[in-house]
Amino acid sequence: MVKLTITVFMSTSLVLALAIIRVEAGPLDSPGAQKSLVCSACHGSAGNASGNAVPIIAGINANYFKKAIKDYAEGKRPSPEMEPYSKYVMQFGLDDIADYFAAQKKTPRPAVKADAKSIGRGATLASQCGACHGPKGDGDPGSVSPALRGQPAGFLQAQMALFGSDKRKLDDAGSEESKKRIFKGLAESDFMDLAAYYSSLK
């Protein structure tokens, strides 16, 4: 009888203890977390892409993310890879997914050996990019200009090639003219140097 009473008391105490434990939110508990899992195949866990050709979207400006997704979905920014995924994001929760990635922190990427001279040349060339992308490539939330700092060199170089060939355009007429003027004076080797510089910034 005593043994039974002790067992019942311990069981009741355990239930009560479990009832008052405060459960902390996990990494997949935010509204956009589970919806964003489809993005992880290319962009990595929490938006920290590990490849050289795919952008890191952890910590991305939410407004820029939403604009980019809309442009992909509407065909303003042609991409056979991104078009179907952008339409998924539009359908299942653009605001939630944008907020989720904006709240994520970048994780340190493995060090990539880069040509110091190329980085130096890129730093000089980057002076003309600062008006839109900031003096250190941190972007401008006001004008919805993306951050370039720490992005993979392959991705940056590919986007500059699209801008240089006029296959990627900007909505604002003034910005589009400035883009054309800047890229008119850049060679393909300059794209490599700029990409090396911005990818070297942590």
N, C-alpha and C. Protein backbone atom coordinates (compact mmCIF):
# COMPACT_ATOMS: atom_id res chain seq x y z
N MET A 1 0.84 -1.21 0.00
CA MET A 1 0.00 0.00 0.00
C MET A 1 0.87 1.26 0.00
N VAL A 2 1.92 1.25 0.83
CA VAL A 2 2.83 2.40 0.90
C VAL A 2 3.55 2.59 -0.42
N LYS A 3 3.97 1.44 -1.01
CA LYS A 3 4.67 1.48 -2.30
C LYS A 3 3.78 2.06 -3.39
N LEU A 4 2.51 1.68 -3.37
CA LEU A 4 1.57 2.17 -4.37
C LEU A 4 1.35 3.66 -4.22
N THR A 5 1.23 4.12 -2.96
CA THR A 5 1.03 5.55 -2.70
C THR A 5 2.22 6.37 -3.20
N ILE A 6 3.43 5.87 -2.95
CA ILE A 6 4.64 6.57 -3.39
C ILE A 6 4.70 6.65 -4.92
N THR A 7 4.33 5.53 -5.57
CA THR A 7 4.35 5.48 -7.03
C THR A 7 3.37 6.48 -7.63
N VAL A 8 2.15 6.52 -7.06
CA VAL A 8 1.14 7.46 -7.53
C VAL A 8 1.59 8.89 -7.32
N PHE A 9 2.20 9.16 -6.16
CA PHE A 9 2.67 10.51 -5.86
C PHE A 9 3.75 10.94 -6.85
N MET A 10 4.70 10.04 -7.14
CA MET A 10 5.79 10.36 -8.07
C MET A 10 5.25 10.59 -9.48
N SER A 11 4.28 9.76 -9.90
CA SER A 11 3.70 9.91 -11.23
C SER A 11 2.97 11.24 -11.36
N THR A 12 2.22 11.59 -10.30
CA THR A 12 1.49 12.86 -10.31
C THR A 12 2.46 14.04 -10.35
N SER A 13 3.54 13.95 -9.58
CA SER A 13 4.53 15.02 -9.54
C SER A 13 5.19 15.21 -10.91
N LEU A 14 5.45 14.07 -11.58
CA LEU A 14 6.08 14.14 -12.90
C LEU A 14 5.16 14.82 -13.91
N VAL A 15 3.88 14.47 -13.87
CA VAL A 15 2.92 15.08 -14.77
C VAL A 15 2.83 16.59 -14.55
N LEU A 16 2.79 16.97 -13.25
CA LEU A 16 2.71 18.39 -12.92
C LEU A 16 3.97 19.12 -13.37
N ALA A 17 5.12 18.49 -13.18
CA ALA A 17 6.38 19.11 -13.57
C ALA A 17 6.44 19.33 -15.08
N LEU A 18 6.00 18.31 -15.82
CA LEU A 18 6.00 18.44 -17.28
C LEU A 18 5.04 19.50 -17.74
N ALA A 19 3.95 19.67 -17.00
CA ALA A 19 2.92 20.64 -17.38
C ALA A 19 3.40 22.07 -17.25
N ILE A 20 4.34 22.31 -16.32
CA ILE A 20 4.78 23.69 -16.09
C ILE A 20 6.10 24.01 -16.78
N ILE A 21 6.70 22.99 -17.46
CA ILE A 21 7.94 23.28 -18.19
C ILE A 21 7.63 24.21 -19.34
N ARG A 22 8.40 25.23 -19.47
CA ARG A 22 8.20 26.18 -20.56
C ARG A 22 8.92 25.67 -21.80
N VAL A 23 8.18 25.46 -22.86
CA VAL A 23 8.75 24.95 -24.10
C VAL A 23 9.20 26.11 -24.96
N GLU A 24 10.50 26.14 -25.26
CA GLU A 24 11.03 27.22 -26.09
C GLU A 24 10.77 26.94 -27.56
N ALA A 25 10.62 27.98 -28.35
CA ALA A 25 10.40 27.83 -29.78
C ALA A 25 11.63 27.24 -30.44
N GLY A 26 11.40 26.31 -31.35
CA GLY A 26 12.49 25.69 -32.09
C GLY A 26 12.76 26.43 -33.38
N PRO A 27 13.80 26.00 -34.11
CA PRO A 27 14.18 26.69 -35.34
C PRO A 27 13.15 26.60 -36.46
N LEU A 28 12.22 25.66 -36.36
CA LEU A 28 11.21 25.51 -37.42
C LEU A 28 9.82 25.94 -36.97
N ASP A 29 9.74 26.70 -35.88
CA ASP A 29 8.44 27.09 -35.34
C ASP A 29 7.90 28.41 -35.88
N SER A 30 8.70 29.19 -36.56
CA SER A 30 8.20 30.46 -37.09
C SER A 30 7.31 30.18 -38.30
N PRO A 31 6.39 31.10 -38.62
CA PRO A 31 5.46 30.86 -39.73
C PRO A 31 6.14 30.53 -41.06
N GLY A 32 7.29 31.17 -41.31
CA GLY A 32 7.95 30.96 -42.60
C GLY A 32 8.94 29.83 -42.64
N ALA A 33 9.28 29.26 -41.50
CA ALA A 33 10.35 28.27 -41.44
C ALA A 33 10.05 27.02 -42.25
N GLN A 34 8.90 26.40 -41.98
CA GLN A 34 8.58 25.17 -42.71
C GLN A 34 8.28 25.45 -44.17
N LYS A 35 7.69 26.61 -44.45
CA LYS A 35 7.41 26.96 -45.85
C LYS A 35 8.70 27.16 -46.64
N SER A 36 9.77 27.52 -45.95
CA SER A 36 11.04 27.82 -46.62
C SER A 36 11.91 26.59 -46.85
N LEU A 37 11.49 25.44 -46.33
CA LEU A 37 12.32 24.24 -46.44
C LEU A 37 12.61 23.88 -47.89
N VAL A 38 11.67 24.16 -48.79
CA VAL A 38 11.88 23.85 -50.20
C VAL A 38 13.07 24.62 -50.77
N CYS A 39 13.38 25.76 -50.17
CA CYS A 39 14.49 26.60 -50.65
C CYS A 39 15.86 26.04 -50.25
N SER A 40 15.86 25.17 -49.23
CA SER A 40 17.12 24.71 -48.67
C SER A 40 17.91 23.80 -49.60
N ALA A 41 17.24 23.17 -50.57
CA ALA A 41 17.95 22.29 -51.50
C ALA A 41 19.06 23.02 -52.23
N CYS A 42 18.83 24.28 -52.56
CA CYS A 42 19.84 25.09 -53.27
C CYS A 42 20.51 26.11 -52.35
N HIS A 43 19.71 26.75 -51.49
CA HIS A 43 20.21 27.86 -50.69
C HIS A 43 20.72 27.43 -49.31
N GLY A 44 20.70 26.15 -49.03
CA GLY A 44 21.26 25.65 -47.79
C GLY A 44 20.36 25.85 -46.58
N SER A 45 20.77 25.29 -45.48
CA SER A 45 20.03 25.41 -44.23
C SER A 45 19.94 26.86 -43.79
N ALA A 46 18.73 27.34 -43.55
CA ALA A 46 18.48 28.72 -43.10
C ALA A 46 19.06 29.76 -44.06
N GLY A 47 19.19 29.39 -45.33
CA GLY A 47 19.64 30.35 -46.34
C GLY A 47 21.14 30.50 -46.46
N ASN A 48 21.90 29.64 -45.79
CA ASN A 48 23.36 29.72 -45.85
C ASN A 48 23.91 28.78 -46.92
N ALA A 49 23.81 29.22 -48.16
CA ALA A 49 24.28 28.42 -49.29
C ALA A 49 25.78 28.17 -49.18
N SER A 50 26.19 26.97 -49.55
CA SER A 50 27.61 26.61 -49.45
C SER A 50 28.31 26.60 -50.80
N GLY A 51 27.55 26.67 -51.88
CA GLY A 51 28.14 26.62 -53.21
C GLY A 51 28.65 27.97 -53.68
N ASN A 52 29.23 27.98 -54.88
CA ASN A 52 29.82 29.20 -55.43
C ASN A 52 28.87 29.94 -56.37
N ALA A 53 27.81 29.26 -56.81
CA ALA A 53 26.94 29.86 -57.82
C ALA A 53 25.59 30.30 -57.29
N VAL A 54 25.30 29.97 -56.03
CA VAL A 54 23.99 30.26 -55.45
C VAL A 54 24.14 31.30 -54.35
N PRO A 55 23.27 32.32 -54.33
CA PRO A 55 23.43 33.38 -53.32
C PRO A 55 23.06 32.94 -51.91
N ILE A 56 23.70 33.56 -50.94
CA ILE A 56 23.34 33.39 -49.54
C ILE A 56 22.14 34.30 -49.26
N ILE A 57 21.06 33.73 -48.75
CA ILE A 57 19.89 34.57 -48.47
C ILE A 57 19.61 34.68 -46.97
N ALA A 58 20.47 34.13 -46.14
CA ALA A 58 20.37 34.35 -44.70
C ALA A 58 20.66 35.83 -44.42
N GLY A 59 19.76 36.49 -43.69
CA GLY A 59 19.94 37.90 -43.37
C GLY A 59 19.59 38.84 -44.49
N ILE A 60 18.99 38.34 -45.56
CA ILE A 60 18.65 39.18 -46.70
C ILE A 60 17.60 40.22 -46.32
N ASN A 61 17.67 41.38 -46.92
CA ASN A 61 16.66 42.41 -46.69
C ASN A 61 15.31 41.88 -47.17
N ALA A 62 14.32 41.89 -46.30
CA ALA A 62 13.02 41.29 -46.62
C ALA A 62 12.37 41.94 -47.84
N ASN A 63 12.47 43.25 -47.95
CA ASN A 63 11.85 43.93 -49.08
C ASN A 63 12.55 43.57 -50.40
N TYR A 64 13.87 43.44 -50.35
CA TYR A 64 14.58 43.03 -51.56
C TYR A 64 14.21 41.60 -51.95
N PHE A 65 14.11 40.72 -50.95
CA PHE A 65 13.72 39.34 -51.21
C PHE A 65 12.36 39.29 -51.90
N LYS A 66 11.40 40.06 -51.38
CA LYS A 66 10.06 40.05 -51.95
C LYS A 66 10.05 40.59 -53.38
N LYS A 67 10.84 41.62 -53.63
CA LYS A 67 10.91 42.16 -54.98
C LYS A 67 11.52 41.15 -55.95
N ALA A 68 12.61 40.50 -55.51
CA ALA A 68 13.28 39.52 -56.37
C ALA A 68 12.34 38.36 -56.70
N ILE A 69 11.61 37.87 -55.69
CA ILE A 69 10.69 36.76 -55.91
C ILE A 69 9.59 37.17 -56.89
N LYS A 70 9.05 38.35 -56.73
CA LYS A 70 7.99 38.83 -57.64
C LYS A 70 8.53 38.96 -59.06
N ASP A 71 9.75 39.47 -59.19
CA ASP A 71 10.35 39.63 -60.52
C ASP A 71 10.57 38.27 -61.19
N TYR A 72 11.02 37.29 -60.43
CA TYR A 72 11.19 35.94 -60.98
C TYR A 72 9.84 35.37 -61.40
N ALA A 73 8.84 35.50 -60.53
CA ALA A 73 7.52 34.90 -60.79
C ALA A 73 6.83 35.54 -61.99
N GLU A 74 7.06 36.84 -62.19
CA GLU A 74 6.40 37.57 -63.28
C GLU A 74 7.23 37.57 -64.56
N GLY A 75 8.40 36.94 -64.53
CA GLY A 75 9.22 36.87 -65.72
C GLY A 75 10.05 38.11 -66.00
N LYS A 76 10.05 39.07 -65.07
CA LYS A 76 10.87 40.28 -65.26
C LYS A 76 12.35 39.96 -65.09
N ARG A 77 12.64 38.93 -64.34
CA ARG A 77 14.01 38.48 -64.13
C ARG A 77 14.06 37.01 -64.55
N PRO A 78 14.29 36.77 -65.84
CA PRO A 78 14.20 35.40 -66.36
C PRO A 78 15.17 34.44 -65.68
N SER A 79 14.64 33.29 -65.25
CA SER A 79 15.46 32.24 -64.67
C SER A 79 14.65 30.94 -64.66
N PRO A 80 15.02 29.98 -65.52
CA PRO A 80 14.29 28.70 -65.54
C PRO A 80 14.34 27.98 -64.19
N GLU A 81 15.44 28.21 -63.44
CA GLU A 81 15.58 27.56 -62.13
C GLU A 81 14.68 28.20 -61.08
N MET A 82 14.63 29.52 -61.07
CA MET A 82 13.93 30.22 -59.99
C MET A 82 12.43 30.42 -60.25
N GLU A 83 12.02 30.41 -61.48
CA GLU A 83 10.61 30.72 -61.77
C GLU A 83 9.62 29.81 -61.03
N PRO A 84 9.77 28.48 -61.09
CA PRO A 84 8.79 27.64 -60.38
C PRO A 84 8.83 27.81 -58.86
N TYR A 85 10.03 28.00 -58.31
CA TYR A 85 10.15 28.16 -56.86
C TYR A 85 9.58 29.52 -56.41
N SER A 86 9.77 30.54 -57.23
CA SER A 86 9.24 31.86 -56.88
C SER A 86 7.72 31.83 -56.86
N LYS A 87 7.13 31.07 -57.76
CA LYS A 87 5.67 30.96 -57.77
C LYS A 87 5.17 30.19 -56.55
N TYR A 88 5.95 29.21 -56.11
CA TYR A 88 5.62 28.50 -54.87
C TYR A 88 5.63 29.47 -53.69
N VAL A 89 6.68 30.28 -53.60
CA VAL A 89 6.80 31.24 -52.50
C VAL A 89 5.65 32.24 -52.53
N MET A 90 5.29 32.71 -53.72
CA MET A 90 4.19 33.66 -53.86
C MET A 90 2.88 33.03 -53.37
N GLN A 91 2.69 31.76 -53.64
CA GLN A 91 1.45 31.09 -53.30
C GLN A 91 1.34 30.73 -51.82
N PHE A 92 2.47 30.34 -51.23
CA PHE A 92 2.41 29.79 -49.88
C PHE A 92 2.84 30.75 -48.77
N GLY A 93 3.22 31.96 -49.11
CA GLY A 93 3.50 32.92 -48.03
C GLY A 93 4.75 33.75 -48.23
N LEU A 94 4.69 34.70 -49.14
CA LEU A 94 5.85 35.53 -49.46
C LEU A 94 6.35 36.29 -48.24
N ASP A 95 5.43 36.93 -47.50
CA ASP A 95 5.83 37.73 -46.34
C ASP A 95 6.47 36.85 -45.26
N ASP A 96 5.86 35.70 -44.98
CA ASP A 96 6.39 34.80 -43.95
C ASP A 96 7.79 34.31 -44.30
N ILE A 97 7.98 33.91 -45.55
CA ILE A 97 9.28 33.37 -45.97
C ILE A 97 10.33 34.47 -46.01
N ALA A 98 9.95 35.65 -46.47
CA ALA A 98 10.87 36.79 -46.49
C ALA A 98 11.33 37.14 -45.08
N ASP A 99 10.38 37.20 -44.15
CA ASP A 99 10.71 37.53 -42.76
C ASP A 99 11.60 36.46 -42.13
N TYR A 100 11.34 35.20 -42.48
CA TYR A 100 12.15 34.11 -41.93
C TYR A 100 13.61 34.25 -42.36
N PHE A 101 13.85 34.41 -43.65
CA PHE A 101 15.23 34.51 -44.12
C PHE A 101 15.91 35.79 -43.63
N ALA A 102 15.14 36.87 -43.52
CA ALA A 102 15.72 38.13 -43.03
C ALA A 102 16.20 38.00 -41.59
N ALA A 103 15.57 37.11 -40.82
CA ALA A 103 15.92 36.94 -39.40
C ALA A 103 17.08 35.96 -39.18
N GLN A 104 17.50 35.27 -40.23
CA GLN A 104 18.57 34.28 -40.07
C GLN A 104 19.95 34.95 -40.07
N LYS A 105 20.89 34.31 -39.41
CA LYS A 105 22.26 34.83 -39.36
C LYS A 105 23.15 34.05 -40.32
N LYS A 106 24.06 34.78 -40.95
CA LYS A 106 25.02 34.13 -41.83
C LYS A 106 25.99 33.30 -41.00
N THR A 107 26.31 32.13 -41.48
CA THR A 107 27.33 31.33 -40.83
C THR A 107 28.63 31.47 -41.60
N PRO A 108 29.77 31.44 -40.91
CA PRO A 108 31.06 31.62 -41.59
C PRO A 108 31.27 30.56 -42.68
N ARG A 109 31.68 31.01 -43.84
CA ARG A 109 31.98 30.10 -44.94
C ARG A 109 33.44 29.67 -44.88
N PRO A 110 33.75 28.49 -45.39
CA PRO A 110 35.15 28.05 -45.44
C PRO A 110 36.00 29.06 -46.21
N ALA A 111 37.18 29.30 -45.73
CA ALA A 111 38.07 30.26 -46.38
C ALA A 111 38.40 29.81 -47.81
N VAL A 112 38.29 30.74 -48.74
CA VAL A 112 38.60 30.46 -50.14
C VAL A 112 39.84 31.26 -50.52
N LYS A 113 40.81 30.57 -51.06
CA LYS A 113 42.04 31.25 -51.45
C LYS A 113 41.75 32.17 -52.63
N ALA A 114 42.06 33.43 -52.47
CA ALA A 114 41.80 34.42 -53.53
C ALA A 114 43.07 35.18 -53.84
N ASP A 115 43.14 35.66 -55.06
CA ASP A 115 44.29 36.44 -55.52
C ASP A 115 44.24 37.82 -54.88
N ALA A 116 45.24 38.14 -54.08
CA ALA A 116 45.26 39.42 -53.37
C ALA A 116 45.25 40.60 -54.35
N LYS A 117 45.94 40.44 -55.48
CA LYS A 117 45.97 41.53 -56.46
C LYS A 117 44.59 41.73 -57.09
N SER A 118 43.88 40.63 -57.32
CA SER A 118 42.54 40.71 -57.87
C SER A 118 41.60 41.41 -56.88
N ILE A 119 41.72 41.07 -55.61
CA ILE A 119 40.91 41.72 -54.58
C ILE A 119 41.21 43.22 -54.53
N GLY A 120 42.49 43.56 -54.63
CA GLY A 120 42.88 44.98 -54.61
C GLY A 120 42.30 45.74 -55.78
N ARG A 121 42.36 45.14 -56.97
CA ARG A 121 41.78 45.80 -58.15
C ARG A 121 40.26 45.94 -57.97
N GLY A 122 39.64 44.91 -57.42
CA GLY A 122 38.20 44.96 -57.19
C GLY A 122 37.81 46.04 -56.20
N ALA A 123 38.63 46.23 -55.17
CA ALA A 123 38.35 47.27 -54.18
C ALA A 123 38.36 48.65 -54.82
N THR A 124 39.29 48.86 -55.75
CA THR A 124 39.34 50.14 -56.46
C THR A 124 38.12 50.32 -57.34
N LEU A 125 37.75 49.29 -58.08
CA LEU A 125 36.59 49.37 -58.97
C LEU A 125 35.29 49.55 -58.19
N ALA A 126 35.24 49.02 -56.97
CA ALA A 126 34.01 49.04 -56.17
C ALA A 126 33.62 50.45 -55.73
N SER A 127 34.51 51.40 -55.87
CA SER A 127 34.18 52.77 -55.45
C SER A 127 32.97 53.32 -56.21
N GLN A 128 32.79 52.84 -57.43
CA GLN A 128 31.66 53.33 -58.23
C GLN A 128 30.36 52.55 -57.95
N CYS A 129 30.47 51.52 -57.13
CA CYS A 129 29.28 50.72 -56.78
C CYS A 129 28.67 51.19 -55.46
N GLY A 130 29.43 51.99 -54.70
CA GLY A 130 29.02 52.37 -53.35
C GLY A 130 27.76 53.19 -53.27
N ALA A 131 27.46 53.98 -54.31
CA ALA A 131 26.29 54.84 -54.26
C ALA A 131 25.00 54.03 -54.08
N CYS A 132 24.97 52.84 -54.64
CA CYS A 132 23.78 51.99 -54.50
C CYS A 132 23.95 50.88 -53.47
N HIS A 133 25.13 50.28 -53.45
CA HIS A 133 25.33 49.09 -52.61
C HIS A 133 26.07 49.38 -51.31
N GLY A 134 26.37 50.65 -51.04
CA GLY A 134 27.05 51.00 -49.80
C GLY A 134 28.56 50.89 -49.93
N PRO A 135 29.30 51.63 -49.11
CA PRO A 135 30.76 51.66 -49.21
C PRO A 135 31.43 50.32 -48.98
N LYS A 136 30.79 49.42 -48.25
CA LYS A 136 31.35 48.09 -48.00
C LYS A 136 30.43 46.98 -48.51
N GLY A 137 29.54 47.34 -49.43
CA GLY A 137 28.69 46.32 -50.03
C GLY A 137 27.59 45.79 -49.13
N ASP A 138 27.15 46.60 -48.16
CA ASP A 138 26.10 46.16 -47.24
C ASP A 138 24.69 46.39 -47.76
N GLY A 139 24.59 47.00 -48.95
CA GLY A 139 23.29 47.27 -49.53
C GLY A 139 22.63 48.51 -48.96
N ASP A 140 21.47 48.85 -49.53
CA ASP A 140 20.72 50.02 -49.09
C ASP A 140 19.25 49.65 -48.98
N PRO A 141 18.76 49.43 -47.76
CA PRO A 141 17.36 49.04 -47.58
C PRO A 141 16.39 50.06 -48.16
N GLY A 142 16.76 51.34 -48.13
CA GLY A 142 15.88 52.38 -48.63
C GLY A 142 15.59 52.24 -50.11
N SER A 143 16.63 51.96 -50.89
CA SER A 143 16.47 51.84 -52.33
C SER A 143 16.32 50.38 -52.76
N VAL A 144 16.24 49.48 -51.78
CA VAL A 144 16.11 48.04 -52.01
C VAL A 144 17.27 47.53 -52.88
N SER A 145 18.45 48.06 -52.64
CA SER A 145 19.66 47.56 -53.31
C SER A 145 20.24 46.45 -52.45
N PRO A 146 20.56 45.31 -53.04
CA PRO A 146 21.01 44.16 -52.23
C PRO A 146 22.41 44.30 -51.68
N ALA A 147 22.68 43.58 -50.63
CA ALA A 147 24.03 43.51 -50.08
C ALA A 147 24.87 42.58 -50.96
N LEU A 148 26.10 42.97 -51.21
CA LEU A 148 27.04 42.15 -51.99
C LEU A 148 28.10 41.52 -51.10
N ARG A 149 28.26 42.06 -49.93
CA ARG A 149 29.29 41.60 -48.99
C ARG A 149 29.16 40.10 -48.71
N GLY A 150 30.24 39.37 -48.92
CA GLY A 150 30.30 37.98 -48.55
C GLY A 150 29.54 37.02 -49.45
N GLN A 151 28.99 37.52 -50.55
CA GLN A 151 28.29 36.62 -51.47
C GLN A 151 29.31 35.80 -52.27
N PRO A 152 28.95 34.60 -52.72
CA PRO A 152 29.89 33.77 -53.49
C PRO A 152 30.34 34.47 -54.76
N ALA A 153 31.61 34.35 -55.06
CA ALA A 153 32.19 35.04 -56.21
C ALA A 153 31.53 34.60 -57.51
N GLY A 154 31.26 33.31 -57.65
CA GLY A 154 30.65 32.81 -58.88
C GLY A 154 29.28 33.43 -59.13
N PHE A 155 28.50 33.57 -58.07
CA PHE A 155 27.18 34.18 -58.20
C PHE A 155 27.31 35.65 -58.60
N LEU A 156 28.17 36.38 -57.92
CA LEU A 156 28.35 37.80 -58.22
C LEU A 156 28.81 38.01 -59.66
N GLN A 157 29.76 37.21 -60.09
CA GLN A 157 30.28 37.35 -61.45
C GLN A 157 29.19 37.07 -62.48
N ALA A 158 28.37 36.06 -62.23
CA ALA A 158 27.30 35.72 -63.17
C ALA A 158 26.27 36.85 -63.27
N GLN A 159 25.93 37.48 -62.13
CA GLN A 159 24.96 38.57 -62.15
C GLN A 159 25.53 39.80 -62.86
N MET A 160 26.81 40.07 -62.65
CA MET A 160 27.43 41.20 -63.35
C MET A 160 27.47 40.96 -64.85
N ALA A 161 27.66 39.72 -65.27
CA ALA A 161 27.65 39.40 -66.69
C ALA A 161 26.27 39.66 -67.29
N LEU A 162 25.21 39.35 -66.53
CA LEU A 162 23.85 39.61 -67.00
C LEU A 162 23.59 41.11 -67.12
N PHE A 163 24.05 41.87 -66.13
CA PHE A 163 23.90 43.32 -66.19
C PHE A 163 24.70 43.89 -67.36
N GLY A 164 25.92 43.40 -67.53
CA GLY A 164 26.80 43.92 -68.57
C GLY A 164 26.28 43.66 -69.97
N SER A 165 25.58 42.54 -70.15
CA SER A 165 25.01 42.21 -71.46
C SER A 165 23.59 42.75 -71.62
N ASP A 166 23.13 43.50 -70.62
CA ASP A 166 21.80 44.13 -70.61
C ASP A 166 20.67 43.09 -70.58
N LYS A 167 20.97 41.90 -70.05
CA LYS A 167 19.94 40.88 -69.93
C LYS A 167 19.21 40.98 -68.60
N ARG A 168 19.75 41.79 -67.70
CA ARG A 168 19.07 42.06 -66.44
C ARG A 168 18.96 43.56 -66.28
N LYS A 169 17.74 44.05 -66.10
CA LYS A 169 17.49 45.48 -66.05
C LYS A 169 16.96 45.90 -64.68
N LEU A 170 17.05 47.19 -64.42
CA LEU A 170 16.54 47.77 -63.18
C LEU A 170 15.25 48.52 -63.46
N ASP A 171 14.33 48.53 -62.48
CA ASP A 171 13.03 49.18 -62.68
C ASP A 171 13.15 50.69 -62.78
N ASP A 172 13.97 51.27 -61.91
CA ASP A 172 14.12 52.73 -61.88
C ASP A 172 14.94 53.20 -63.08
N ALA A 173 14.40 54.15 -63.84
CA ALA A 173 15.06 54.62 -65.07
C ALA A 173 16.42 55.24 -64.77
N GLY A 174 16.50 56.02 -63.70
CA GLY A 174 17.77 56.65 -63.35
C GLY A 174 18.83 55.63 -62.97
N SER A 175 18.42 54.63 -62.19
CA SER A 175 19.35 53.57 -61.79
C SER A 175 19.78 52.75 -62.99
N GLU A 176 18.86 52.53 -63.91
CA GLU A 176 19.19 51.76 -65.12
C GLU A 176 20.23 52.49 -65.97
N GLU A 177 20.09 53.80 -66.07
CA GLU A 177 21.07 54.58 -66.83
C GLU A 177 22.43 54.57 -66.15
N SER A 178 22.43 54.68 -64.83
CA SER A 178 23.70 54.63 -64.09
C SER A 178 24.36 53.27 -64.26
N LYS A 179 23.54 52.22 -64.21
CA LYS A 179 24.06 50.85 -64.40
C LYS A 179 24.72 50.72 -65.76
N LYS A 180 24.05 51.19 -66.80
CA LYS A 180 24.59 51.08 -68.16
C LYS A 180 25.90 51.85 -68.28
N ARG A 181 25.95 53.03 -67.67
CA ARG A 181 27.16 53.84 -67.74
C ARG A 181 28.33 53.14 -67.06
N ILE A 182 28.06 52.57 -65.89
CA ILE A 182 29.13 51.89 -65.14
C ILE A 182 29.60 50.64 -65.87
N PHE A 183 28.68 49.83 -66.32
CA PHE A 183 29.04 48.56 -66.95
C PHE A 183 29.66 48.74 -68.33
N LYS A 184 29.37 49.87 -68.95
CA LYS A 184 29.98 50.14 -70.25
C LYS A 184 31.49 50.22 -70.13
N GLY A 185 31.98 50.66 -68.98
CA GLY A 185 33.42 50.81 -68.77
C GLY A 185 34.08 49.61 -68.11
N LEU A 186 33.34 48.51 -67.95
CA LEU A 186 33.90 47.34 -67.28
C LEU A 186 34.11 46.18 -68.26
N ALA A 187 35.23 45.50 -68.10
CA ALA A 187 35.52 44.31 -68.90
C ALA A 187 35.19 43.07 -68.07
N GLU A 188 35.21 41.92 -68.73
CA GLU A 188 34.91 40.68 -68.02
C GLU A 188 35.90 40.42 -66.88
N SER A 189 37.13 40.80 -67.09
CA SER A 189 38.14 40.64 -66.03
C SER A 189 37.82 41.52 -64.83
N ASP A 190 37.17 42.65 -65.08
CA ASP A 190 36.75 43.52 -63.97
C ASP A 190 35.66 42.85 -63.14
N PHE A 191 34.79 42.09 -63.81
CA PHE A 191 33.76 41.36 -63.08
C PHE A 191 34.40 40.38 -62.10
N MET A 192 35.45 39.71 -62.57
CA MET A 192 36.16 38.75 -61.72
C MET A 192 36.78 39.44 -60.52
N ASP A 193 37.37 40.62 -60.76
CA ASP A 193 38.02 41.36 -59.67
C ASP A 193 36.99 41.87 -58.65
N LEU A 194 35.88 42.40 -59.15
CA LEU A 194 34.84 42.88 -58.25
C LEU A 194 34.25 41.74 -57.43
N ALA A 195 34.02 40.62 -58.09
CA ALA A 195 33.48 39.45 -57.39
C ALA A 195 34.45 38.95 -56.33
N ALA A 196 35.74 38.96 -56.65
CA ALA A 196 36.76 38.53 -55.68
C ALA A 196 36.76 39.46 -54.47
N TYR A 197 36.62 40.76 -54.72
CA TYR A 197 36.64 41.72 -53.63
C TYR A 197 35.42 41.56 -52.72
N TYR A 198 34.23 41.60 -53.29
CA TYR A 198 33.03 41.54 -52.45
C TYR A 198 32.89 40.20 -51.73
N SER A 199 33.30 39.12 -52.39
CA SER A 199 33.20 37.81 -51.72
C SER A 199 34.20 37.68 -50.58
N SER A 200 35.26 38.51 -50.61
CA SER A 200 36.28 38.44 -49.55
C SER A 200 35.84 39.19 -48.29
N LEU A 201 34.82 40.02 -48.39
CA LEU A 201 34.35 40.80 -47.25
C LEU A 201 33.49 39.92 -46.35
N LYS A 202 33.77 39.93 -45.05
CA LYS A 202 33.03 39.09 -44.11
C LYS A 202 32.09 39.91 -43.24
